[in-house]
Amino acid sequence: MKLGFACKFLDAKAVQPFPFKATTRTRFLSLDNDERIKLIHALSVTNLTHLHLMFEQLATLPPALRMMRIGSDLLPLYTVPEATVLYNDFLPELYPLFTRCGDFARAHDIRLSFHPGQYSVLASDNVLVVERALEDVEYHALCARLMGYGQTFQDFKINIHMNGKAGFPGFQHAFGRLSPEARLMLTVENDEISCSLDDVLQAADLCPVVVDIHHHWVKENEFIQPDDPRIARVKASWRGVRPVMHYSISQEGLIPETGFPDQPALDVKKTKLRAHSDFYFNPTLNDWALSFSDFDIMCEVKMKNLARDRLYDYAKSQRRI
């Protein structure tokens, strides 16, 4: 089992030593052409350099901790049309930096993923939203390809939600429009509001299903178990690749520090239960998550790798890992 963290690597003082740098569309468009090129080129070089430095840190850790989600700002503003055309001119200059990152990650068995934002909705009933979602997924696929991924099924994970008024038929249609590489990397996840695990499992023949056990609990008030028949279907969707699940818990103070929380007894709105905690403070929930022994776990928690490391220490103390 690997335990991953999302986007931001924190040092012992909870400071990012290797942050990704970004800019705003407004600032970018306020510049002249030469300044625009200089800005996004410099930010991209910084981000790819920092990504490699994060990989170097992961390579010093036990194999179980070599897993991370890469932030989407790797190439800032790439999908903004005025920026895309500029990237197309100088992107080849960045190829060696991408190659170095990908080669290093594979050499040290670091499992990688992207998670396009909540506005990337392939199942939308709005044509323009779907077009933007396709562009966004293909941007992430481009970054993965430049690192040498997208060559075999799930050598890299690009995870999205399937929420959207067009439902599974809309998702299925949009999925068919993706590049072959993007289709190899795409996964789909259940959410807390609109798209249940049962809904997402409709896509199991298209792409792997990522089960988010916290989302499922918020939506259904059910602590799904590893022997649930739906979990077997989730695992089958990965076609022999080790599946990934997402684990988070509600914020400190909203749920008990031990035991399984019951939503009606909490008297807390679902919207508040959705927010993630700083750390994994409830051992009952930790045992539950770790009982999914066939999965790697992406830890979705505010204190990132620091919280993940505490979960790892707990797992070792319980001989779960």
Protein backbone atom coordinates (compact mmCIF):
# COMPACT_ATOMS: atom_id res chain seq x y z
CA MET A 1 0.00 0.00 0.00
CA LYS A 2 1.17 3.49 -0.89
CA LEU A 3 -0.07 6.63 0.87
CA GLY A 4 -0.04 9.80 -1.20
CA PHE A 5 -0.58 13.50 -0.65
CA ALA A 6 -1.99 16.26 -2.82
CA CYS A 7 0.01 19.00 -4.54
CA LYS A 8 1.83 20.78 -1.71
CA PHE A 9 4.89 19.32 0.00
CA LEU A 10 5.37 20.73 3.51
CA ASP A 11 8.51 20.74 5.64
CA ALA A 12 8.56 20.14 9.40
CA LYS A 13 7.46 23.75 9.98
CA ALA A 14 4.48 23.33 7.62
CA VAL A 15 6.14 25.60 5.04
CA GLN A 16 6.38 24.75 1.34
CA PRO A 17 10.06 24.59 0.40
CA PHE A 18 9.22 23.96 -3.28
CA PRO A 19 5.99 25.82 -4.07
CA PHE A 20 4.47 26.01 -7.52
CA LYS A 21 4.28 29.56 -8.81
CA ALA A 22 1.21 30.90 -10.61
CA THR A 23 -0.17 34.13 -12.02
CA THR A 24 -3.58 35.53 -12.83
CA ARG A 25 -5.18 35.80 -16.23
CA THR A 26 -5.70 39.53 -15.60
CA ARG A 27 -2.04 40.16 -14.89
CA PHE A 28 -0.94 38.07 -17.86
CA LEU A 29 -3.23 39.90 -20.30
CA SER A 30 -2.04 43.29 -19.00
CA LEU A 31 1.47 42.60 -20.31
CA ASP A 32 2.88 42.99 -23.77
CA ASN A 33 3.78 39.90 -25.79
CA ASP A 34 7.45 39.71 -24.77
CA GLU A 35 6.59 40.15 -21.10
CA ARG A 36 3.93 37.46 -21.32
CA ILE A 37 6.45 34.99 -22.72
CA LYS A 38 9.03 35.88 -20.10
CA LEU A 39 6.49 35.46 -17.28
CA ILE A 40 5.00 32.08 -18.17
CA HIS A 41 8.37 30.68 -19.26
CA ALA A 42 9.97 31.61 -15.93
CA LEU A 43 7.03 30.24 -13.93
CA SER A 44 7.09 26.96 -15.85
CA VAL A 45 10.82 26.49 -15.35
CA THR A 46 10.44 27.18 -11.64
CA ASN A 47 7.55 24.73 -11.30
CA LEU A 48 9.28 21.92 -13.17
CA THR A 49 12.44 22.49 -11.13
CA HIS A 50 10.45 22.42 -7.89
CA LEU A 51 8.60 19.30 -9.01
CA HIS A 52 11.91 17.50 -9.41
CA LEU A 53 13.01 18.71 -5.98
CA MET A 54 9.79 17.26 -4.50
CA PHE A 55 10.52 13.97 -6.24
CA GLU A 56 13.99 13.98 -4.75
CA GLN A 57 12.46 14.31 -1.30
CA LEU A 58 10.04 11.45 -1.94
CA ALA A 59 12.88 9.24 -3.15
CA THR A 60 14.44 9.41 0.32
CA LEU A 61 11.26 8.06 1.94
CA PRO A 62 10.05 4.47 2.31
CA PRO A 63 8.41 3.09 -0.85
CA ALA A 64 4.97 3.29 0.81
CA LEU A 65 5.26 7.10 0.86
CA ARG A 66 6.27 7.58 -2.77
CA MET A 67 2.99 8.83 -4.16
CA MET A 68 1.74 12.33 -4.90
CA ARG A 69 -0.74 14.40 -6.87
CA ILE A 70 0.90 17.09 -8.98
CA GLY A 71 -0.66 20.55 -8.88
CA SER A 72 -2.45 21.70 -12.00
CA ASP A 73 -0.43 24.93 -12.20
CA LEU A 74 2.60 23.14 -13.60
CA LEU A 75 2.26 25.25 -16.76
CA PRO A 76 0.36 28.32 -15.54
CA LEU A 77 -2.54 29.54 -17.70
CA TYR A 78 -1.78 26.97 -20.39
CA THR A 79 -5.41 26.69 -21.51
CA VAL A 80 -5.89 30.47 -21.83
CA PRO A 81 -5.87 30.95 -25.62
CA GLU A 82 -3.50 33.93 -25.51
CA ALA A 83 -1.07 31.82 -23.47
CA THR A 84 -1.49 28.56 -25.40
CA VAL A 85 -0.08 30.03 -28.59
CA LEU A 86 2.96 31.31 -26.71
CA TYR A 87 3.56 27.98 -25.00
CA ASN A 88 3.48 26.29 -28.39
CA ASP A 89 6.47 28.40 -29.41
CA PHE A 90 8.75 27.66 -26.44
CA LEU A 91 7.42 24.39 -25.00
CA PRO A 92 10.20 22.32 -26.65
CA GLU A 93 12.69 24.21 -24.48
CA LEU A 94 10.99 22.63 -21.46
CA TYR A 95 11.07 19.05 -22.73
CA PRO A 96 14.34 18.17 -20.93
CA LEU A 97 12.85 19.33 -17.61
CA PHE A 98 9.75 17.19 -18.15
CA THR A 99 11.86 14.20 -19.18
CA ARG A 100 14.07 14.55 -16.11
CA CYS A 101 11.02 14.55 -13.82
CA GLY A 102 9.40 11.54 -15.46
CA ASP A 103 12.57 9.49 -15.62
CA PHE A 104 13.32 10.18 -11.97
CA ALA A 105 9.79 9.31 -10.84
CA ARG A 106 9.82 6.00 -12.67
CA ALA A 107 13.31 5.13 -11.45
CA HIS A 108 12.17 5.62 -7.86
CA ASP A 109 8.68 4.10 -8.18
CA ILE A 110 6.82 7.34 -7.39
CA ARG A 111 3.13 6.97 -8.25
CA LEU A 112 1.77 10.17 -9.81
CA SER A 113 -1.56 11.76 -10.64
CA PHE A 114 -3.38 14.95 -11.58
CA HIS A 115 -6.83 16.08 -10.46
CA PRO A 116 -8.33 18.71 -12.81
CA GLY A 117 -10.53 21.21 -11.00
CA GLN A 118 -14.22 21.09 -10.19
CA TYR A 119 -15.10 23.05 -13.32
CA SER A 120 -13.81 20.32 -15.63
CA VAL A 121 -17.18 18.66 -16.17
CA LEU A 122 -17.25 16.21 -19.06
CA ALA A 123 -20.86 15.30 -18.22
CA SER A 124 -22.17 18.87 -18.48
CA ASP A 125 -25.20 19.62 -20.64
CA ASN A 126 -23.49 22.86 -21.70
CA VAL A 127 -21.47 22.40 -24.89
CA LEU A 128 -18.98 25.14 -24.00
CA VAL A 129 -18.36 23.67 -20.55
CA VAL A 130 -17.63 20.28 -22.12
CA GLU A 131 -15.22 21.89 -24.61
CA ARG A 132 -13.34 23.60 -21.79
CA ALA A 133 -13.28 20.35 -19.80
CA LEU A 134 -11.82 18.48 -22.76
CA GLU A 135 -9.15 21.15 -23.15
CA ASP A 136 -8.33 20.93 -19.45
CA VAL A 137 -8.05 17.14 -19.41
CA GLU A 138 -5.87 17.25 -22.53
CA TYR A 139 -3.62 19.86 -20.90
CA HIS A 140 -3.02 17.51 -17.98
CA ALA A 141 -2.51 14.63 -20.39
CA LEU A 142 0.06 16.71 -22.28
CA CYS A 143 2.07 17.31 -19.10
CA ALA A 144 1.97 13.59 -18.30
CA ARG A 145 2.97 12.67 -21.87
CA LEU A 146 5.92 15.04 -21.76
CA MET A 147 7.07 13.17 -18.65
CA GLY A 148 6.87 9.92 -20.60
CA TYR A 149 3.47 8.67 -19.41
CA GLY A 150 0.26 7.81 -21.26
CA GLN A 151 1.95 4.86 -22.96
CA THR A 152 0.20 2.03 -21.07
CA PHE A 153 -3.08 1.72 -19.20
CA GLN A 154 -2.93 3.71 -15.95
CA ASP A 155 0.79 4.39 -15.92
CA PHE A 156 -0.45 7.80 -14.72
CA LYS A 157 -3.79 8.86 -13.21
CA ILE A 158 -5.86 11.90 -14.25
CA ASN A 159 -8.89 11.92 -11.99
CA ILE A 160 -12.14 13.85 -12.47
CA HIS A 161 -15.70 13.81 -11.10
CA MET A 162 -18.65 12.68 -13.23
CA ASN A 163 -21.11 15.26 -11.94
CA GLY A 164 -23.09 17.05 -14.63
CA LYS A 165 -26.67 17.15 -15.90
CA ALA A 166 -25.84 15.03 -18.96
CA GLY A 167 -25.00 12.15 -16.63
CA PHE A 168 -23.24 9.02 -17.79
CA PRO A 169 -24.34 9.34 -21.44
CA GLY A 170 -22.74 12.79 -21.59
CA PHE A 171 -19.60 11.54 -19.88
CA GLN A 172 -19.41 8.58 -22.26
CA HIS A 173 -19.72 10.82 -25.31
CA ALA A 174 -17.05 13.23 -24.07
CA PHE A 175 -14.74 10.37 -23.08
CA GLY A 176 -14.83 9.16 -26.68
CA ARG A 177 -13.53 12.55 -27.83
CA LEU A 178 -10.39 12.39 -25.69
CA SER A 179 -7.00 11.49 -27.09
CA PRO A 180 -5.95 7.83 -26.74
CA GLU A 181 -3.37 8.84 -24.14
CA ALA A 182 -5.92 10.74 -22.06
CA ARG A 183 -8.29 7.78 -22.17
CA LEU A 184 -5.50 5.54 -20.87
CA MET A 185 -4.96 7.86 -17.90
CA LEU A 186 -8.46 9.07 -17.00
CA THR A 187 -10.24 7.91 -13.83
CA VAL A 188 -13.63 8.98 -12.48
CA GLU A 189 -14.65 9.58 -8.86
CA ASN A 190 -17.88 9.74 -6.89
CA ASP A 191 -18.77 13.01 -5.16
CA GLU A 192 -20.68 14.06 -2.05
CA ILE A 193 -23.63 15.81 -3.67
CA SER A 194 -24.71 14.78 -7.14
CA CYS A 195 -22.90 11.66 -8.32
CA SER A 196 -23.00 8.54 -6.17
CA LEU A 197 -20.69 5.55 -6.34
CA ASP A 198 -23.46 3.64 -8.10
CA ASP A 199 -23.66 6.43 -10.69
CA VAL A 200 -19.91 6.41 -11.28
CA LEU A 201 -19.77 2.63 -11.62
CA GLN A 202 -21.64 3.05 -14.91
CA ALA A 203 -18.28 4.19 -16.31
CA ALA A 204 -16.38 1.11 -15.11
CA ASP A 205 -16.08 -0.31 -18.62
CA LEU A 206 -14.63 2.97 -19.91
CA CYS A 207 -12.11 3.87 -17.21
CA PRO A 208 -11.14 3.00 -13.64
CA VAL A 209 -13.33 4.15 -10.79
CA VAL A 210 -11.80 5.97 -7.82
CA VAL A 211 -13.87 5.45 -4.70
CA ASP A 212 -13.80 8.37 -2.28
CA ILE A 213 -14.98 6.83 0.97
CA HIS A 214 -15.55 10.20 2.67
CA HIS A 215 -17.67 11.45 -0.23
CA HIS A 216 -19.67 8.24 -0.03
CA TRP A 217 -20.24 8.67 3.70
CA VAL A 218 -21.32 12.32 3.34
CA LYS A 219 -23.79 11.44 0.58
CA GLU A 220 -25.13 8.13 1.90
CA ASN A 221 -24.29 8.12 5.65
CA GLU A 222 -22.72 4.72 5.02
CA PHE A 223 -19.26 3.47 5.89
CA ILE A 224 -18.73 1.26 2.89
CA GLN A 225 -16.66 -1.85 3.59
CA PRO A 226 -13.95 -3.61 1.56
CA ASP A 227 -16.19 -6.66 1.07
CA ASP A 228 -19.04 -4.60 -0.40
CA PRO A 229 -19.85 -5.93 -3.91
CA ARG A 230 -19.41 -2.41 -5.29
CA ILE A 231 -15.80 -2.40 -4.15
CA ALA A 232 -15.20 -5.57 -6.14
CA ARG A 233 -16.55 -3.73 -9.20
CA VAL A 234 -14.26 -0.78 -8.46
CA LYS A 235 -11.23 -3.07 -8.31
CA ALA A 236 -12.24 -4.83 -11.52
CA SER A 237 -12.38 -1.48 -13.33
CA TRP A 238 -8.61 -1.11 -12.80
CA ARG A 239 -7.94 -4.20 -14.93
CA GLY A 240 -5.11 -5.58 -12.85
CA VAL A 241 -3.52 -2.23 -11.89
CA ARG A 242 -3.50 -1.52 -8.16
CA PRO A 243 -6.53 0.72 -7.53
CA VAL A 244 -6.48 4.10 -5.82
CA MET A 245 -9.01 5.38 -3.30
CA HIS A 246 -9.37 8.80 -1.65
CA TYR A 247 -9.52 9.22 2.10
CA SER A 248 -10.49 12.32 4.05
CA ILE A 249 -12.52 13.02 7.18
CA SER A 250 -14.60 15.94 8.37
CA GLN A 251 -12.96 18.81 10.20
CA GLU A 252 -11.86 18.65 13.80
CA GLY A 253 -14.69 19.48 16.20
CA LEU A 254 -17.47 18.35 13.85
CA ILE A 255 -17.16 14.61 14.39
CA PRO A 256 -16.08 12.54 17.42
CA GLU A 257 -12.41 11.76 17.98
CA THR A 258 -13.21 8.04 18.09
CA GLY A 259 -15.94 5.82 16.69
CA PHE A 260 -18.00 6.04 13.52
CA PRO A 261 -19.92 9.33 13.39
CA ASP A 262 -23.62 9.19 12.61
CA GLN A 263 -24.82 12.16 10.58
CA PRO A 264 -28.30 12.62 12.14
CA ALA A 265 -26.77 12.55 15.62
CA LEU A 266 -24.19 15.18 14.66
CA ASP A 267 -26.77 17.78 13.64
CA VAL A 268 -24.27 19.25 11.18
CA LYS A 269 -25.11 20.29 7.62
CA LYS A 270 -23.65 18.16 4.85
CA THR A 271 -21.96 21.23 3.41
CA LYS A 272 -19.86 21.49 6.58
CA LEU A 273 -19.14 17.77 6.70
CA ARG A 274 -17.62 17.97 3.22
CA ALA A 275 -14.65 20.10 4.35
CA HIS A 276 -11.44 18.24 5.07
CA SER A 277 -9.66 18.07 8.41
CA ASP A 278 -6.08 19.14 9.09
CA PHE A 279 -5.05 15.70 10.36
CA TYR A 280 -6.49 12.20 10.66
CA PHE A 281 -7.47 12.37 14.32
CA ASN A 282 -9.99 9.51 14.53
CA PRO A 283 -8.35 6.04 14.84
CA THR A 284 -11.64 4.26 14.10
CA LEU A 285 -11.84 5.96 10.73
CA ASN A 286 -8.14 5.35 10.13
CA ASP A 287 -8.59 1.63 10.74
CA TRP A 288 -11.54 1.66 8.35
CA ALA A 289 -9.57 3.36 5.57
CA LEU A 290 -6.54 1.12 6.07
CA SER A 291 -8.74 -1.97 5.89
CA PHE A 292 -8.93 -1.39 2.11
CA SER A 293 -5.66 -3.28 1.83
CA ASP A 294 -5.88 -3.80 -1.94
CA PHE A 295 -5.80 -0.04 -2.57
CA ASP A 296 -3.27 2.76 -2.57
CA ILE A 297 -4.66 5.76 -0.66
CA MET A 298 -4.57 9.39 -1.75
CA CYS A 299 -4.73 11.36 1.49
CA GLU A 300 -6.91 14.42 0.99
CA VAL A 301 -6.14 16.39 4.12
CA LYS A 302 -5.11 19.98 4.72
CA MET A 303 -1.73 19.27 6.28
CA LYS A 304 -0.71 17.30 3.23
CA ASN A 305 2.32 15.04 3.63
CA LEU A 306 2.62 15.84 7.34
CA ALA A 307 -0.82 14.36 8.00
CA ARG A 308 -0.07 11.51 5.60
CA ASP A 309 3.11 10.72 7.53
CA ARG A 310 1.18 10.53 10.80
CA LEU A 311 -1.27 8.11 9.19
CA TYR A 312 1.70 6.06 7.99
CA ASP A 313 3.14 5.94 11.51
CA TYR A 314 -0.26 4.87 12.84
CA ALA A 315 -0.55 2.18 10.16
CA LYS A 316 2.86 0.81 11.09
CA SER A 317 1.96 0.78 14.79
CA GLN A 318 -1.14 -1.24 13.94
CA ARG A 319 0.79 -3.46 11.53
CA ARG A 320 -1.44 -2.35 8.70
CA ILE A 321 1.39 -1.47 6.37
